[in-house]
Amino acid sequence: KVFPDLSDDQIKTILIDMWDNLGRNFLEYPHLKYLGEHRVTIINGDQLTAQLERGGPTILICGHFANWEVAAPAFLTQYHFEMDLIYRAPNNPWVDTILQKYRSLNGVLKTYPKSNKGMRAVVNALSQKRHIGILIDQKYNGGVEANFFGFPAMTSPAFAQLSQKYKCPILTASVKRLGRSCNFEVMFHTPIESNNRDIIDVVTEANQFLEGIIRNNPAQWIWLHRRWREF
């Protein structure tokens, strides 16, 4: 639907490379702190420095690109920028316990599940001028319908609403795996302005940001659920 000019072989290659990347992600979970400190190059990291000087709070949005889990450890170890993370808990509680151990760097980073309780914790964190990281590319039935690759997609507006309520900037970042390795680039892009704007406009701009990253490297976007109603 999105890349109508691609051949079947090209589509198959993208799918194989996507699974290859996902398999590497699982093997990298126990090593996130090391990877963040030694295997990640941060581009435009002055945006982190600016937020530290400003004093927060900050909202950072990203998608499930490459190994997205390396970003927060990289910010912490390279810039001393401590970012709290919002996550969707796996259905299997044993898996959740294991992933949480690694994702939080054994409790060093704060994490909040996507739930009513988790959202209350996020609100409290922002009121304390903390920095929050959110992955915004998943389907959210309780959200708003916004254009994504030319099709309507249910998208969570929480990041935009929180940005407006707490008057904090929305930073945008992407993660790229360099070849078939455990070396990465984390790049900051143009921040999104949310003040005095309709929520749907902010969400649509965020989706456009995601589109640009995905079009450049579709194999490094993890998409394994029905993101659109039409297909």
Protein backbone atom coordinates (compact mmCIF):
# COMPACT_ATOMS: atom_id res chain seq x y z
CA LYS A 1 0.00 0.00 0.00
CA VAL A 2 2.73 2.43 0.97
CA PHE A 3 5.43 1.39 -1.52
CA PRO A 4 3.45 0.33 -4.62
CA ASP A 5 6.54 0.42 -6.86
CA LEU A 6 8.48 -2.19 -4.91
CA SER A 7 8.80 -5.68 -6.38
CA ASP A 8 7.84 -8.82 -4.45
CA ASP A 9 11.56 -9.59 -3.98
CA GLN A 10 12.22 -6.13 -2.56
CA ILE A 11 9.30 -6.46 -0.15
CA LYS A 12 10.55 -9.90 0.91
CA THR A 13 14.01 -8.48 1.59
CA ILE A 14 12.53 -5.74 3.80
CA LEU A 15 10.56 -8.33 5.77
CA ILE A 16 13.58 -10.61 6.25
CA ASP A 17 15.75 -7.68 7.35
CA MET A 18 13.04 -6.54 9.78
CA TRP A 19 13.00 -9.97 11.47
CA ASP A 20 16.81 -10.02 11.47
CA ASN A 21 16.86 -6.68 13.30
CA LEU A 22 14.23 -7.81 15.82
CA GLY A 23 16.22 -10.96 16.62
CA ARG A 24 19.30 -8.85 17.30
CA ASN A 25 17.27 -6.65 19.64
CA PHE A 26 16.46 -9.58 21.92
CA LEU A 27 20.12 -10.58 22.15
CA GLU A 28 21.09 -6.99 22.99
CA TYR A 29 18.76 -6.53 25.97
CA PRO A 30 21.26 -7.70 28.63
CA HIS A 31 23.87 -5.28 27.23
CA LEU A 32 21.90 -2.03 26.94
CA LYS A 33 24.08 0.00 29.32
CA TYR A 34 27.28 -1.04 27.54
CA LEU A 35 25.77 -0.42 24.12
CA GLY A 36 24.44 2.99 25.14
CA GLU A 37 27.82 4.07 26.46
CA HIS A 38 30.14 2.55 23.86
CA ARG A 39 28.19 1.67 20.72
CA VAL A 40 25.90 4.68 20.19
CA THR A 41 26.78 7.90 18.41
CA ILE A 42 24.41 10.73 19.32
CA ILE A 43 23.85 13.31 16.59
CA ASN A 44 22.58 16.79 17.48
CA GLY A 45 23.01 15.95 21.15
CA ASP A 46 23.18 19.66 21.92
CA GLN A 47 19.39 19.42 22.18
CA LEU A 48 19.86 17.32 25.33
CA THR A 49 22.33 19.83 26.73
CA ALA A 50 19.85 22.65 26.06
CA GLN A 51 17.10 20.81 27.94
CA LEU A 52 19.38 20.17 30.91
CA GLU A 53 20.22 23.85 31.03
CA ARG A 54 16.55 24.81 30.68
CA GLY A 55 15.58 22.58 33.58
CA GLY A 56 12.76 20.50 32.07
CA PRO A 57 10.28 18.97 31.86
CA THR A 58 10.76 17.48 28.41
CA ILE A 59 8.84 15.03 26.23
CA LEU A 60 10.82 13.03 23.68
CA ILE A 61 9.02 11.03 20.99
CA CYS A 62 10.41 8.23 18.87
CA GLY A 63 9.22 5.08 17.10
CA HIS A 64 10.20 1.43 17.21
CA PHE A 65 13.30 2.05 15.10
CA ALA A 66 16.31 -0.32 15.04
CA ASN A 67 16.89 -1.04 18.74
CA TRP A 68 15.02 1.85 20.33
CA GLU A 69 16.01 0.62 23.80
CA VAL A 70 19.62 1.85 23.41
CA ALA A 71 18.60 5.54 23.34
CA ALA A 72 17.84 6.11 27.04
CA PRO A 73 21.04 4.36 28.25
CA ALA A 74 23.02 6.45 25.74
CA PHE A 75 21.47 9.70 27.01
CA LEU A 76 22.23 8.68 30.60
CA THR A 77 25.81 7.52 30.14
CA GLN A 78 26.94 10.12 27.61
CA TYR A 79 25.01 13.24 28.71
CA HIS A 80 23.81 12.39 32.25
CA PHE A 81 20.31 13.00 30.86
CA GLU A 82 17.93 10.80 32.86
CA MET A 83 14.80 9.99 30.87
CA ASP A 84 11.79 8.16 32.29
CA LEU A 85 10.22 5.65 29.91
CA ILE A 86 6.62 4.80 29.05
CA TYR A 87 6.17 1.21 27.87
CA ARG A 88 3.50 -1.32 27.01
CA ALA A 89 3.79 -4.29 29.35
CA PRO A 90 3.97 -7.68 27.57
CA ASN A 91 1.07 -10.02 28.22
CA ASN A 92 3.46 -12.56 29.76
CA PRO A 93 4.39 -11.32 33.28
CA TRP A 94 7.64 -13.33 33.29
CA VAL A 95 8.76 -11.65 30.08
CA ASP A 96 7.72 -8.30 31.50
CA THR A 97 9.90 -8.82 34.58
CA ILE A 98 12.94 -9.71 32.50
CA LEU A 99 12.55 -6.84 30.02
CA GLN A 100 11.95 -4.36 32.81
CA LYS A 101 15.16 -5.40 34.52
CA TYR A 102 17.20 -4.65 31.41
CA ARG A 103 15.21 -1.67 30.11
CA SER A 104 15.46 0.17 33.43
CA LEU A 105 19.16 -0.73 33.85
CA ASN A 106 18.27 -2.61 37.03
CA GLY A 107 16.06 0.19 38.30
CA VAL A 108 18.30 3.14 37.48
CA LEU A 109 15.76 4.49 34.95
CA LYS A 110 12.14 4.98 35.93
CA THR A 111 9.55 3.21 33.79
CA TYR A 112 5.76 3.63 33.59
CA PRO A 113 3.36 1.10 32.03
CA LYS A 114 0.67 2.28 29.63
CA SER A 115 -2.23 2.25 32.08
CA ASN A 116 -4.29 4.66 34.18
CA LYS A 117 -1.89 4.15 37.07
CA GLY A 118 1.09 4.62 34.80
CA MET A 119 -0.33 7.83 33.34
CA ARG A 120 -0.83 9.27 36.83
CA ALA A 121 2.84 8.55 37.49
CA VAL A 122 3.80 10.29 34.22
CA VAL A 123 1.78 13.38 35.18
CA ASN A 124 3.51 13.42 38.55
CA ALA A 125 6.92 13.08 36.89
CA LEU A 126 6.28 15.99 34.54
CA SER A 127 5.11 18.14 37.45
CA GLN A 128 8.52 17.40 38.99
CA LYS A 129 10.19 18.60 35.78
CA ARG A 130 11.43 15.17 34.70
CA HIS A 131 12.06 14.05 31.12
CA ILE A 132 9.69 11.51 29.53
CA GLY A 133 10.32 9.26 26.52
CA ILE A 134 7.33 7.95 24.54
CA LEU A 135 7.12 5.64 21.50
CA ILE A 136 4.18 6.96 19.49
CA ASP A 137 3.93 4.66 16.47
CA GLN A 138 1.56 2.00 17.83
CA LYS A 139 -2.17 1.77 17.33
CA TYR A 140 -4.26 3.30 20.11
CA ASN A 141 -7.99 2.71 19.76
CA GLY A 142 -8.82 5.36 22.33
CA GLY A 143 -6.87 8.03 20.49
CA VAL A 144 -7.51 10.31 17.53
CA GLU A 145 -7.66 9.45 13.85
CA ALA A 146 -4.65 11.02 12.11
CA ASN A 147 -3.13 10.60 8.67
CA PHE A 148 -0.24 8.12 8.57
CA PHE A 149 1.21 7.15 5.17
CA GLY A 150 -1.91 8.43 3.48
CA PHE A 151 -4.34 6.37 5.56
CA PRO A 152 -6.26 7.20 8.75
CA ALA A 153 -4.65 5.63 11.80
CA MET A 154 -5.74 5.71 15.44
CA THR A 155 -2.96 7.49 17.30
CA SER A 156 -2.47 8.45 20.94
CA PRO A 157 -2.56 12.22 21.48
CA ALA A 158 -1.20 11.97 25.05
CA PHE A 159 2.25 13.35 24.22
CA ALA A 160 0.73 16.46 22.62
CA GLN A 161 -1.77 16.99 25.44
CA LEU A 162 0.92 16.64 28.10
CA SER A 163 3.20 19.00 26.21
CA GLN A 164 0.53 21.67 26.16
CA LYS A 165 -0.47 21.16 29.79
CA TYR A 166 3.08 21.37 31.13
CA LYS A 167 4.37 23.77 28.47
CA CYS A 168 7.31 21.55 27.62
CA PRO A 169 9.00 21.01 24.26
CA ILE A 170 8.53 17.89 22.14
CA LEU A 171 11.90 16.55 21.00
CA THR A 172 12.00 14.08 18.11
CA ALA A 173 14.60 11.34 17.79
CA SER A 174 15.32 8.31 15.65
CA VAL A 175 17.56 5.27 16.10
CA LYS A 176 19.49 3.62 13.27
CA ARG A 177 21.40 0.35 13.30
CA LEU A 178 24.63 0.64 11.33
CA GLY A 179 24.68 -2.37 9.04
CA ARG A 180 24.32 -5.80 10.62
CA SER A 181 26.11 -4.76 13.78
CA CYS A 182 25.42 -3.59 17.31
CA ASN A 183 26.53 -0.04 16.51
CA PHE A 184 23.88 2.68 16.37
CA GLU A 185 23.19 6.30 15.59
CA VAL A 186 20.64 8.20 17.65
CA MET A 187 19.71 11.41 15.86
CA PHE A 188 17.68 14.36 17.10
CA HIS A 189 15.49 16.07 14.53
CA THR A 190 13.48 19.29 14.48
CA PRO A 191 11.41 19.67 17.67
CA ILE A 192 7.63 19.93 17.35
CA GLU A 193 5.88 23.03 18.63
CA SER A 194 2.62 22.27 20.43
CA ASN A 195 1.63 25.55 22.08
CA ASN A 196 -1.55 27.19 20.76
CA ARG A 197 -2.14 24.41 18.19
CA ASP A 198 -4.94 21.93 17.66
CA ILE A 199 -4.02 18.52 19.05
CA ILE A 200 -4.78 16.79 15.75
CA ASP A 201 -2.29 19.07 13.96
CA VAL A 202 0.45 18.21 16.46
CA VAL A 203 -0.28 14.48 16.16
CA THR A 204 -0.30 14.65 12.35
CA GLU A 205 3.06 16.43 12.33
CA ALA A 206 4.46 13.74 14.61
CA ASN A 207 3.18 11.04 12.25
CA GLN A 208 4.84 12.84 9.35
CA PHE A 209 8.10 12.77 11.28
CA LEU A 210 7.75 9.00 11.72
CA GLU A 211 6.95 8.57 8.03
CA GLY A 212 10.16 10.28 6.98
CA ILE A 213 12.30 7.98 9.10
CA ILE A 214 10.45 4.84 7.99
CA ARG A 215 10.59 5.69 4.28
CA ASN A 216 14.36 6.04 4.47
CA ASN A 217 14.80 2.67 6.18
CA PRO A 218 11.61 0.56 6.33
CA ALA A 219 13.44 -2.62 7.39
CA GLN A 220 14.41 -1.02 10.69
CA TRP A 221 10.85 -0.20 11.73
CA ILE A 222 9.19 -2.88 13.85
CA TRP A 223 5.60 -3.13 12.68
CA LEU A 224 3.90 -6.38 13.70
CA HIS A 225 0.32 -5.37 14.37
CA ARG A 226 -2.66 -3.99 12.44
CA ARG A 227 -1.72 -0.32 12.46
CA TRP A 228 -4.45 0.70 9.99
CA ARG A 229 -8.07 -0.37 9.78
CA GLU A 230 -8.00 -0.76 6.01
CA PHE A 231 -5.30 -3.46 5.92
